[in-house]
C-alpha atoms as a PDB file:
ATOM      1  CA  MET A   1       0.000   0.000   0.000  1.00  0.00           C
ATOM      2  CA  ASP A   2       1.292   3.455  -0.922  1.00  0.00           C
ATOM      3  CA  ILE A   3       1.604   5.475   2.288  1.00  0.00           C
ATOM      4  CA  LEU A   4       3.237   8.504   0.697  1.00  0.00           C
ATOM      5  CA  PHE A   5       1.379  11.801   0.763  1.00  0.00           C
ATOM      6  CA  ARG A   6       3.078  14.284  -1.535  1.00  0.00           C
ATOM      7  CA  PRO A   7       0.806  17.001  -2.945  1.00  0.00           C
ATOM      8  CA  ARG A   8       2.479  18.807  -5.813  1.00  0.00           C
ATOM      9  CA  GLU A   9       1.656  22.334  -4.657  1.00  0.00           C
ATOM     10  CA  TYR A  10       1.661  24.184  -1.337  1.00  0.00           C
ATOM     11  CA  HIS A  11       0.152  27.653  -0.963  1.00  0.00           C
ATOM     12  CA  ARG A  12       0.068  29.996   2.041  1.00  0.00           C
ATOM     13  CA  PRO A  13      -2.530  32.660   1.133  1.00  0.00           C
ATOM     14  CA  ARG A  14      -2.286  36.165   2.558  1.00  0.00           C
ATOM     15  CA  ASP A  15      -6.032  36.728   2.956  1.00  0.00           C
ATOM     16  CA  LEU A  16      -9.386  34.967   2.727  1.00  0.00           C
ATOM     17  CA  ARG A  17      -9.995  36.030  -0.861  1.00  0.00           C
ATOM     18  CA  GLU A  18      -6.770  34.413  -2.028  1.00  0.00           C
ATOM     19  CA  ALA A  19      -7.584  31.281  -0.014  1.00  0.00           C
ATOM     20  CA  THR A  20     -11.054  30.921  -1.522  1.00  0.00           C
ATOM     21  CA  TRP A  21      -9.656  31.636  -5.018  1.00  0.00           C
ATOM     22  CA  LEU A  22      -7.182  28.776  -4.598  1.00  0.00           C
ATOM     23  CA  LEU A  23      -9.920  26.437  -3.382  1.00  0.00           C
ATOM     24  CA  SER A  24     -12.098  27.434  -6.334  1.00  0.00           C
ATOM     25  CA  SER A  25      -9.244  26.924  -8.804  1.00  0.00           C
ATOM     26  CA  PHE A  26      -8.210  23.479  -7.612  1.00  0.00           C
ATOM     27  CA  GLY A  27     -11.650  22.199  -6.573  1.00  0.00           C
ATOM     28  CA  ARG A  28     -11.611  18.697  -5.099  1.00  0.00           C
ATOM     29  CA  ARG A  29      -7.868  18.463  -5.674  1.00  0.00           C
ATOM     30  CA  ALA A  30      -7.241  21.027  -2.884  1.00  0.00           C
ATOM     31  CA  ARG A  31      -7.342  20.602   0.891  1.00  0.00           C
ATOM     32  CA  VAL A  32      -7.157  23.180   3.632  1.00  0.00           C
ATOM     33  CA  ILE A  33      -4.450  22.578   6.218  1.00  0.00           C
ATOM     34  CA  ALA A  34      -3.917  24.208   9.617  1.00  0.00           C
ATOM     35  CA  GLY A  35      -2.949  21.625  12.231  1.00  0.00           C
ATOM     36  CA  GLY A  36      -2.970  18.776   9.706  1.00  0.00           C
ATOM     37  CA  THR A  37      -3.629  16.068  12.293  1.00  0.00           C
ATOM     38  CA  ASP A  38      -6.524  14.522  10.338  1.00  0.00           C
ATOM     39  CA  LEU A  39      -5.214  15.195   6.849  1.00  0.00           C
ATOM     40  CA  LEU A  40      -1.842  13.576   7.489  1.00  0.00           C
ATOM     41  CA  VAL A  41      -3.562  10.477   8.856  1.00  0.00           C
ATOM     42  CA  ASP A  42      -6.106  10.117   6.050  1.00  0.00           C
ATOM     43  CA  LYS A  43      -3.621  10.913   3.240  1.00  0.00           C
ATOM     44  CA  PRO A  44      -6.295  11.390   0.528  1.00  0.00           C
ATOM     45  CA  PRO A  45      -4.691  10.230  -2.726  1.00  0.00           C
ATOM     46  CA  ASP A  46      -6.454  12.759  -4.977  1.00  0.00           C
ATOM     47  CA  VAL A  47      -5.039  15.836  -3.224  1.00  0.00           C
ATOM     48  CA  GLU A  48      -2.647  17.875  -5.361  1.00  0.00           C
ATOM     49  CA  CYS A  49      -2.672  21.206  -3.494  1.00  0.00           C
ATOM     50  CA  LEU A  50      -2.493  22.208   0.162  1.00  0.00           C
ATOM     51  CA  VAL A  51      -3.906  25.591   1.181  1.00  0.00           C
ATOM     52  CA  ASP A  52      -2.313  26.583   4.498  1.00  0.00           C
ATOM     53  CA  ILE A  53      -4.543  29.007   6.452  1.00  0.00           C
ATOM     54  CA  SER A  54      -2.071  29.550   9.305  1.00  0.00           C
ATOM     55  CA  ASP A  55      -1.431  33.199   8.331  1.00  0.00           C
ATOM     56  CA  LEU A  56      -5.063  34.283   8.063  1.00  0.00           C
ATOM     57  CA  GLY A  57      -5.506  35.365  11.693  1.00  0.00           C
ATOM     58  CA  LEU A  58      -8.022  32.627  12.473  1.00  0.00           C
ATOM     59  CA  CYS A  59      -6.537  31.538  15.814  1.00  0.00           C
ATOM     60  CA  TYR A  60      -8.468  33.347  18.567  1.00  0.00           C
ATOM     61  CA  ILE A  61     -11.132  33.075  21.280  1.00  0.00           C
ATOM     62  CA  ARG A  62     -12.982  36.350  21.845  1.00  0.00           C
ATOM     63  CA  GLN A  63     -16.036  37.375  23.818  1.00  0.00           C
ATOM     64  CA  ASP A  64     -18.279  40.311  22.988  1.00  0.00           C
ATOM     65  CA  THR A  65     -21.838  41.392  23.714  1.00  0.00           C
ATOM     66  CA  ASP A  66     -23.233  38.766  21.312  1.00  0.00           C
ATOM     67  CA  GLY A  67     -21.331  35.745  22.596  1.00  0.00           C
ATOM     68  CA  ILE A  68     -18.063  33.916  22.081  1.00  0.00           C
ATOM     69  CA  ASN A  69     -16.252  33.718  18.738  1.00  0.00           C
ATOM     70  CA  ILE A  70     -13.627  31.060  18.030  1.00  0.00           C
ATOM     71  CA  GLY A  71     -11.443  31.219  14.924  1.00  0.00           C
ATOM     72  CA  ALA A  72     -11.302  28.075  12.808  1.00  0.00           C
ATOM     73  CA  ALA A  73      -7.524  27.696  13.294  1.00  0.00           C
ATOM     74  CA  THR A  74      -7.743  27.812  17.097  1.00  0.00           C
ATOM     75  CA  THR A  75      -6.071  24.759  18.629  1.00  0.00           C
ATOM     76  CA  LEU A  76      -7.772  22.336  20.988  1.00  0.00           C
ATOM     77  CA  ASP A  77      -5.178  23.158  23.646  1.00  0.00           C
ATOM     78  CA  LEU A  78      -6.210  26.821  23.636  1.00  0.00           C
ATOM     79  CA  ILE A  79      -9.880  25.833  23.806  1.00  0.00           C
ATOM     80  CA  GLU A  80      -9.253  23.412  26.652  1.00  0.00           C
ATOM     81  CA  ASN A  81      -7.488  26.058  28.752  1.00  0.00           C
ATOM     82  CA  SER A  82      -9.366  29.230  27.796  1.00  0.00           C
ATOM     83  CA  PRO A  83     -10.723  31.251  30.761  1.00  0.00           C
ATOM     84  CA  ILE A  84     -13.449  32.537  28.432  1.00  0.00           C
ATOM     85  CA  LEU A  85     -14.797  28.983  28.160  1.00  0.00           C
ATOM     86  CA  SER A  86     -14.535  28.183  31.879  1.00  0.00           C
ATOM     87  CA  PRO A  87     -17.978  29.488  33.050  1.00  0.00           C
ATOM     88  CA  GLU A  88     -21.163  27.450  32.683  1.00  0.00           C
ATOM     89  CA  PRO A  89     -22.466  26.392  30.252  1.00  0.00           C
ATOM     90  CA  TYR A  90     -19.537  27.151  27.891  1.00  0.00           C
ATOM     91  CA  THR A  91     -17.219  24.840  29.812  1.00  0.00           C
ATOM     92  CA  VAL A  92     -18.791  21.929  27.920  1.00  0.00           C
ATOM     93  CA  VAL A  93     -16.656  22.965  24.923  1.00  0.00           C
ATOM     94  CA  SER A  94     -13.401  22.926  26.890  1.00  0.00           C
ATOM     95  CA  GLU A  95     -14.419  19.604  28.482  1.00  0.00           C
ATOM     96  CA  ALA A  96     -14.933  18.054  25.051  1.00  0.00           C
ATOM     97  CA  ALA A  97     -11.595  19.406  23.821  1.00  0.00           C
ATOM     98  CA  SER A  98      -9.775  18.024  26.872  1.00  0.00           C
ATOM     99  CA  MET A  99     -10.975  14.482  26.098  1.00  0.00           C
ATOM    100  CA  MET A 100      -9.572  14.440  22.572  1.00  0.00           C
ATOM    101  CA  ALA A 101      -6.338  12.728  21.603  1.00  0.00           C
ATOM    102  CA  THR A 102      -3.033  13.456  23.384  1.00  0.00           C
ATOM    103  CA  PRO A 103      -1.563  16.782  24.588  1.00  0.00           C
ATOM    104  CA  ALA A 104       0.798  16.818  21.591  1.00  0.00           C
ATOM    105  CA  VAL A 105      -2.096  16.430  19.153  1.00  0.00           C
ATOM    106  CA  ARG A 106      -4.218  19.011  20.989  1.00  0.00           C
ATOM    107  CA  ASN A 107      -1.390  21.502  20.525  1.00  0.00           C
ATOM    108  CA  ARG A 108      -1.759  21.118  16.741  1.00  0.00           C
ATOM    109  CA  ALA A 109      -5.339  20.054  15.999  1.00  0.00           C
ATOM    110  CA  THR A 110      -7.855  22.846  15.368  1.00  0.00           C
ATOM    111  CA  ILE A 111     -11.557  23.327  15.945  1.00  0.00           C
ATOM    112  CA  GLY A 112     -12.068  23.938  12.228  1.00  0.00           C
ATOM    113  CA  GLY A 113     -10.313  20.727  11.325  1.00  0.00           C
ATOM    114  CA  ASN A 114     -12.378  18.723  13.809  1.00  0.00           C
ATOM    115  CA  LEU A 115     -15.599  20.098  12.349  1.00  0.00           C
ATOM    116  CA  CYS A 116     -14.587  19.824   8.680  1.00  0.00           C
ATOM    117  CA  ASN A 117     -13.439  16.224   9.058  1.00  0.00           C
ATOM    118  CA  ALA A 118     -17.109  15.491   9.834  1.00  0.00           C
ATOM    119  CA  SER A 119     -16.502  12.269  11.726  1.00  0.00           C
ATOM    120  CA  PRO A 120     -19.726  10.857  13.233  1.00  0.00           C
ATOM    121  CA  ALA A 121     -17.714  10.253  16.426  1.00  0.00           C
ATOM    122  CA  ALA A 122     -16.276  13.789  16.710  1.00  0.00           C
ATOM    123  CA  ASP A 123     -16.511  15.451  20.115  1.00  0.00           C
ATOM    124  CA  LEU A 124     -16.605  19.213  19.579  1.00  0.00           C
ATOM    125  CA  PRO A 125     -19.697  19.266  17.325  1.00  0.00           C
ATOM    126  CA  LEU A 126     -21.838  17.878  20.154  1.00  0.00           C
ATOM    127  CA  ALA A 127     -20.695  20.484  22.683  1.00  0.00           C
ATOM    128  CA  LEU A 128     -21.242  23.254  20.150  1.00  0.00           C
ATOM    129  CA  MET A 129     -24.663  21.963  19.113  1.00  0.00           C
ATOM    130  CA  VAL A 130     -26.096  22.013  22.637  1.00  0.00           C
ATOM    131  CA  LEU A 131     -24.980  25.651  22.923  1.00  0.00           C
ATOM    132  CA  ASP A 132     -26.878  26.534  19.707  1.00  0.00           C
ATOM    133  CA  SER A 133     -23.617  27.501  18.008  1.00  0.00           C
ATOM    134  CA  THR A 134     -23.243  28.558  14.391  1.00  0.00           C
ATOM    135  CA  VAL A 135     -20.405  28.466  11.868  1.00  0.00           C
ATOM    136  CA  LYS A 136     -19.385  31.266   9.531  1.00  0.00           C
ATOM    137  CA  ILE A 137     -18.484  30.120   6.019  1.00  0.00           C
ATOM    138  CA  VAL A 138     -16.718  32.294   3.464  1.00  0.00           C
ATOM    139  CA  GLY A 139     -16.565  31.568  -0.272  1.00  0.00           C
ATOM    140  CA  LEU A 140     -15.231  33.337  -3.319  1.00  0.00           C
ATOM    141  CA  SER A 141     -18.453  35.324  -3.900  1.00  0.00           C
ATOM    142  CA  ARG A 142     -20.490  34.965  -0.702  1.00  0.00           C
ATOM    143  CA  SER A 143     -20.471  34.292   3.015  1.00  0.00           C
ATOM    144  CA  ARG A 144     -23.108  32.489   5.060  1.00  0.00           C
ATOM    145  CA  ILE A 145     -23.996  31.339   8.564  1.00  0.00           C
ATOM    146  CA  LEU A 146     -25.178  27.822   9.424  1.00  0.00           C
ATOM    147  CA  PRO A 147     -26.199  26.133  12.680  1.00  0.00           C
ATOM    148  CA  VAL A 148     -23.483  23.644  13.594  1.00  0.00           C
ATOM    149  CA  GLY A 149     -25.902  20.735  13.286  1.00  0.00           C
ATOM    150  CA  ASP A 150     -26.726  21.699   9.675  1.00  0.00           C
ATOM    151  CA  PHE A 151     -23.040  21.821   8.735  1.00  0.00           C
ATOM    152  CA  PHE A 152     -22.838  18.004   8.565  1.00  0.00           C
ATOM    153  CA  LYS A 153     -24.389  16.196   5.598  1.00  0.00           C
ATOM    154  CA  ASP A 154     -23.040  12.629   5.787  1.00  0.00           C
ATOM    155  CA  VAL A 155     -20.057  10.651   7.023  1.00  0.00           C
ATOM    156  CA  ASN A 156     -17.019  12.877   6.369  1.00  0.00           C
ATOM    157  CA  GLN A 157     -19.169  15.259   4.312  1.00  0.00           C
ATOM    158  CA  THR A 158     -20.025  18.866   5.155  1.00  0.00           C
ATOM    159  CA  ALA A 159     -22.085  21.658   3.627  1.00  0.00           C
ATOM    160  CA  LEU A 160     -18.950  23.393   2.292  1.00  0.00           C
ATOM    161  CA  ASP A 161     -18.825  24.088  -1.442  1.00  0.00           C
ATOM    162  CA  GLU A 162     -15.492  23.615  -3.210  1.00  0.00           C
ATOM    163  CA  ASP A 163     -14.556  27.308  -2.935  1.00  0.00           C
ATOM    164  CA  GLU A 164     -15.680  27.714   0.690  1.00  0.00           C
ATOM    165  CA  LEU A 165     -13.778  27.883   3.953  1.00  0.00           C
ATOM    166  CA  LEU A 166     -15.018  27.601   7.531  1.00  0.00           C
ATOM    167  CA  VAL A 167     -13.612  30.678   9.288  1.00  0.00           C
ATOM    168  CA  GLU A 168     -15.344  31.033  12.662  1.00  0.00           C
ATOM    169  CA  VAL A 169     -17.552  29.379  15.262  1.00  0.00           C
ATOM    170  CA  HIS A 170     -19.999  31.577  17.176  1.00  0.00           C
ATOM    171  CA  ILE A 171     -21.445  30.573  20.555  1.00  0.00           C
ATOM    172  CA  PRO A 172     -24.368  32.794  21.584  1.00  0.00           C
ATOM    173  CA  LEU A 173     -24.748  34.053  25.127  1.00  0.00           C
ATOM    174  CA  SER A 174     -26.612  31.672  27.436  1.00  0.00           C
ATOM    175  CA  SER A 175     -28.752  32.269  30.469  1.00  0.00           C
ATOM    176  CA  GLU A 176     -27.124  32.199  33.903  1.00  0.00           C
ATOM    177  CA  SER A 177     -29.646  29.468  34.713  1.00  0.00           C
ATOM    178  CA  SER A 178     -28.004  27.144  32.186  1.00  0.00           C
ATOM    179  CA  SER A 179     -25.557  24.269  32.649  1.00  0.00           C
ATOM    180  CA  ALA A 180     -24.092  21.715  30.247  1.00  0.00           C
ATOM    181  CA  ALA A 181     -22.073  18.488  30.403  1.00  0.00           C
ATOM    182  CA  PHE A 182     -20.114  16.223  28.051  1.00  0.00           C
ATOM    183  CA  MET A 183     -19.695  12.450  28.359  1.00  0.00           C
ATOM    184  CA  LYS A 184     -17.567  10.074  26.302  1.00  0.00           C
ATOM    185  CA  LEU A 185     -17.309   6.283  26.259  1.00  0.00           C
ATOM    186  CA  ARG A 186     -14.193   4.774  24.660  1.00  0.00           C
ATOM    187  CA  HIS A 187     -13.111   1.184  24.169  1.00  0.00           C
ATOM    188  CA  HIS A 188     -10.125   1.324  26.512  1.00  0.00           C
ATOM    189  CA  GLN A 189     -10.893   4.784  27.944  1.00  0.00           C
ATOM    190  CA  THR A 190      -7.543   6.079  26.723  1.00  0.00           C
ATOM    191  CA  SER A 191      -7.169   9.535  25.194  1.00  0.00           C
ATOM    192  CA  VAL A 192      -6.359   8.242  21.712  1.00  0.00           C
ATOM    193  CA  ASP A 193      -9.504   6.122  21.363  1.00  0.00           C
ATOM    194  CA  LEU A 194     -12.431   7.348  19.306  1.00  0.00           C
ATOM    195  CA  ALA A 195     -15.775   7.467  21.030  1.00  0.00           C
ATOM    196  CA  ILE A 196     -17.998   4.415  21.024  1.00  0.00           C
ATOM    197  CA  VAL A 197     -20.699   6.873  22.082  1.00  0.00           C
ATOM    198  CA  ASN A 198     -20.347  10.514  23.105  1.00  0.00           C
ATOM    199  CA  VAL A 199     -23.024  12.846  24.431  1.00  0.00           C
ATOM    200  CA  ALA A 200     -23.521  16.489  25.342  1.00  0.00           C
ATOM    201  CA  ALA A 201     -26.525  17.953  27.139  1.00  0.00           C
ATOM    202  CA  ARG A 202     -27.615  21.393  28.332  1.00  0.00           C
ATOM    203  CA  LEU A 203     -30.428  22.406  30.673  1.00  0.00           C
ATOM    204  CA  THR A 204     -31.800  25.890  31.199  1.00  0.00           C
ATOM    205  CA  CYS A 205     -33.956  25.889  34.320  1.00  0.00           C
ATOM    206  CA  PRO A 206     -34.881  29.194  35.966  1.00  0.00           C
ATOM    207  CA  ASP A 207     -37.171  28.750  38.972  1.00  0.00           C
ATOM    208  CA  SER A 208     -36.658  24.945  38.950  1.00  0.00           C
ATOM    209  CA  ILE A 209     -38.660  24.485  35.719  1.00  0.00           C
ATOM    210  CA  CYS A 210     -36.888  23.416  32.527  1.00  0.00           C
ATOM    211  CA  GLU A 211     -37.254  26.289  30.101  1.00  0.00           C
ATOM    212  CA  ASP A 212     -34.987  24.801  27.421  1.00  0.00           C
ATOM    213  CA  ALA A 213     -33.024  21.600  26.827  1.00  0.00           C
ATOM    214  CA  ARG A 214     -30.499  20.364  24.293  1.00  0.00           C
ATOM    215  CA  ILE A 215     -29.214  16.809  23.807  1.00  0.00           C
ATOM    216  CA  ALA A 216     -26.717  15.704  21.146  1.00  0.00           C
ATOM    217  CA  ALA A 217     -25.078  12.317  20.618  1.00  0.00           C
ATOM    218  CA  GLY A 218     -22.223  11.086  18.439  1.00  0.00           C
ATOM    219  CA  ALA A 219     -21.145   7.768  16.877  1.00  0.00           C
ATOM    220  CA  VAL A 220     -24.809   6.710  16.701  1.00  0.00           C
ATOM    221  CA  ALA A 221     -25.795   8.054  13.263  1.00  0.00           C
ATOM    222  CA  LYS A 222     -24.168   9.238  10.036  1.00  0.00           C
ATOM    223  CA  THR A 223     -24.019  12.776  11.451  1.00  0.00           C
ATOM    224  CA  PRO A 224     -24.192  14.140  15.010  1.00  0.00           C
ATOM    225  CA  LEU A 225     -27.641  13.345  16.392  1.00  0.00           C
ATOM    226  CA  HIS A 226     -29.911  16.049  17.768  1.00  0.00           C
ATOM    227  CA  ALA A 227     -32.308  14.189  20.118  1.00  0.00           C
ATOM    228  CA  ARG A 228     -35.330  16.434  19.663  1.00  0.00           C
ATOM    229  CA  LYS A 229     -37.973  14.086  21.087  1.00  0.00           C
ATOM    230  CA  ALA A 230     -35.960  13.640  24.260  1.00  0.00           C
ATOM    231  CA  GLU A 231     -35.578  17.410  24.583  1.00  0.00           C
ATOM    232  CA  GLU A 232     -39.318  17.959  24.230  1.00  0.00           C
ATOM    233  CA  MET A 233     -39.968  15.600  27.138  1.00  0.00           C
ATOM    234  CA  LEU A 234     -37.976  17.886  29.450  1.00  0.00           C
ATOM    235  CA  ILE A 235     -39.208  21.344  28.483  1.00  0.00           C
ATOM    236  CA  GLY A 236     -41.814  22.878  30.769  1.00  0.00           C
ATOM    237  CA  LYS A 237     -41.325  20.322  33.520  1.00  0.00           C
ATOM    238  CA  LYS A 238     -39.471  20.086  36.805  1.00  0.00           C
ATOM    239  CA  ILE A 239     -36.466  17.849  36.264  1.00  0.00           C
ATOM    240  CA  ASP A 240     -36.309  14.749  38.442  1.00  0.00           C
ATOM    241  CA  LYS A 241     -34.703  11.306  38.234  1.00  0.00           C
ATOM    242  CA  GLU A 242     -37.657   9.628  36.542  1.00  0.00           C
ATOM    243  CA  LEU A 243     -37.957  12.340  33.886  1.00  0.00           C
ATOM    244  CA  ILE A 244     -34.221  12.132  33.177  1.00  0.00           C
ATOM    245  CA  ARG A 245     -34.444   8.354  32.826  1.00  0.00           C
ATOM    246  CA  ASN A 246     -37.383   8.639  30.406  1.00  0.00           C
ATOM    247  CA  ALA A 247     -35.643  11.288  28.324  1.00  0.00           C
ATOM    248  CA  ALA A 248     -32.498   9.168  28.175  1.00  0.00           C
ATOM    249  CA  GLY A 249     -34.567   6.240  26.909  1.00  0.00           C
ATOM    250  CA  ALA A 250     -36.153   8.456  24.259  1.00  0.00           C
ATOM    251  CA  ALA A 251     -32.724   9.623  23.078  1.00  0.00           C
ATOM    252  CA  SER A 252     -31.663   5.990  22.766  1.00  0.00           C
ATOM    253  CA  GLU A 253     -34.702   5.249  20.601  1.00  0.00           C
ATOM    254  CA  GLU A 254     -33.853   8.192  18.341  1.00  0.00           C
ATOM    255  CA  SER A 255     -30.331   6.897  17.718  1.00  0.00           C
ATOM    256  CA  LYS A 256     -29.498   4.847  14.616  1.00  0.00           C
ATOM    257  CA  PRO A 257     -26.103   3.246  15.293  1.00  0.00           C
ATOM    258  CA  ILE A 258     -24.338   0.603  13.254  1.00  0.00           C
ATOM    259  CA  ASP A 259     -22.170  -2.400  14.069  1.00  0.00           C
ATOM    260  CA  ASP A 260     -18.458  -1.796  13.560  1.00  0.00           C
ATOM    261  CA  VAL A 261     -15.102  -2.892  14.970  1.00  0.00           C
ATOM    262  CA  ARG A 262     -15.550  -0.731  18.069  1.00  0.00           C
ATOM    263  CA  ALA A 263     -19.037  -1.770  19.195  1.00  0.00           C
ATOM    264  CA  SER A 264     -22.322  -3.315  18.162  1.00  0.00           C
ATOM    265  CA  ALA A 265     -25.391  -1.245  17.347  1.00  0.00           C
ATOM    266  CA  GLY A 266     -27.273  -2.749  20.281  1.00  0.00           C
ATOM    267  CA  TYR A 267     -24.532  -1.872  22.758  1.00  0.00           C
ATOM    268  CA  ARG A 268     -24.381   1.673  21.420  1.00  0.00           C
ATOM    269  CA  LYS A 269     -28.123   2.116  21.860  1.00  0.00           C
ATOM    270  CA  ARG A 270     -27.900   1.025  25.478  1.00  0.00           C
ATOM    271  CA  MET A 271     -24.954   3.336  26.085  1.00  0.00           C
ATOM    272  CA  VAL A 272     -26.806   6.328  24.618  1.00  0.00           C
ATOM    273  CA  ALA A 273     -29.354   5.953  27.414  1.00  0.00           C
ATOM    274  CA  VAL A 274     -26.612   5.616  30.033  1.00  0.00           C
ATOM    275  CA  LEU A 275     -24.572   8.611  28.860  1.00  0.00           C
ATOM    276  CA  VAL A 276     -27.568  10.900  28.272  1.00  0.00           C
ATOM    277  CA  LYS A 277     -28.757  10.106  31.786  1.00  0.00           C
ATOM    278  CA  ARG A 278     -25.340  10.933  33.218  1.00  0.00           C
ATOM    279  CA  ALA A 279     -24.995  14.113  31.168  1.00  0.00           C
ATOM    280  CA  LEU A 280     -28.432  15.379  32.224  1.00  0.00           C
ATOM    281  CA  GLU A 281     -27.678  14.565  35.859  1.00  0.00           C
ATOM    282  CA  ALA A 282     -24.367  16.426  35.602  1.00  0.00           C
ATOM    283  CA  ALA A 283     -26.052  19.436  33.995  1.00  0.00           C
ATOM    284  CA  LEU A 284     -28.701  19.442  36.716  1.00  0.00           C
ATOM    285  CA  GLY A 285     -25.958  19.246  39.328  1.00  0.00           C
ATOM    286  CA  GLY A 286     -24.258  22.211  37.685  1.00  0.00           C
ATOM    287  CA  LEU A 287     -27.458  24.222  37.961  1.00  0.00           C
ATOM    288  CA  GLU A 288     -27.841  23.404  41.640  1.00  0.00           C
ATOM    289  CA  HIS A 289     -24.195  24.311  42.292  1.00  0.00           C
ATOM    290  CA  GLY A 290     -24.650  27.586  40.461  1.00  0.00           C
ATOM    291  CA  LYS A 291     -27.699  28.470  42.571  1.00  0.00           C
ATOM    292  CA  SER A 292     -25.780  27.787  45.774  1.00  0.00           C
ATOM    293  CA  LYS A 293     -23.048  30.241  44.678  1.00  0.00           C
ATOM    294  CA  ARG A 294     -25.472  33.050  43.854  1.00  0.00           C
END
């Protein structure tokens, strides 16, 4: 088997327009590179051109009156350790980043790369989905905003056109009465293992009544799963153990996993219920802890 990966051309554009022009010119023969941790593992044989976005100023985490903005070239290490992402419920993003790969990989891998790889088992999409995050996409002649959940179209396929580049993730401001949690089950529970099942959940519960809920699961469908029926069971009700258990069961029923080398579909379905239950319990615990501090 040929393990060489030697694209013929390497470009380091000076601005977004040049980057999108290169992507438009080379089409499917071009790949964007920042950290390169996925690209250098996959080694796609049809790639002839690398477009390095390291000089485009896309490595940042900033907070303003609208929320938190994260540049596509921001590394997982920066996300894991960012003080901006330490308060509830945003800490779910740093928690997800901390459970990915090894420290050496987290120093190189980027949030944009994790999203654009579009693995069904990816961690960051789930954390971003439960925070109602969006992605900003820039192309040669237009820019657009998509909810993170709509960015994924199939296994390893995104909504990006050939000339488009993901440039930023936006996390809107959340209520103080909101808490989120991330859970991940791996085969050997080591940092390099992909998730058998991963889950993120967020609860917004002012005055002890659930005003809003978000549940997302990975490795149980072709794209990250948004468990809408389970969410609907929680909204407008006081959260208790029985309600959490029922919602976790509903999320399991919504999942559509497959058998593969890491786990069977049946096992994954059972683990969705377990991890959703734990994530909801952790989010509820975060809300109670937050009330005790206020």
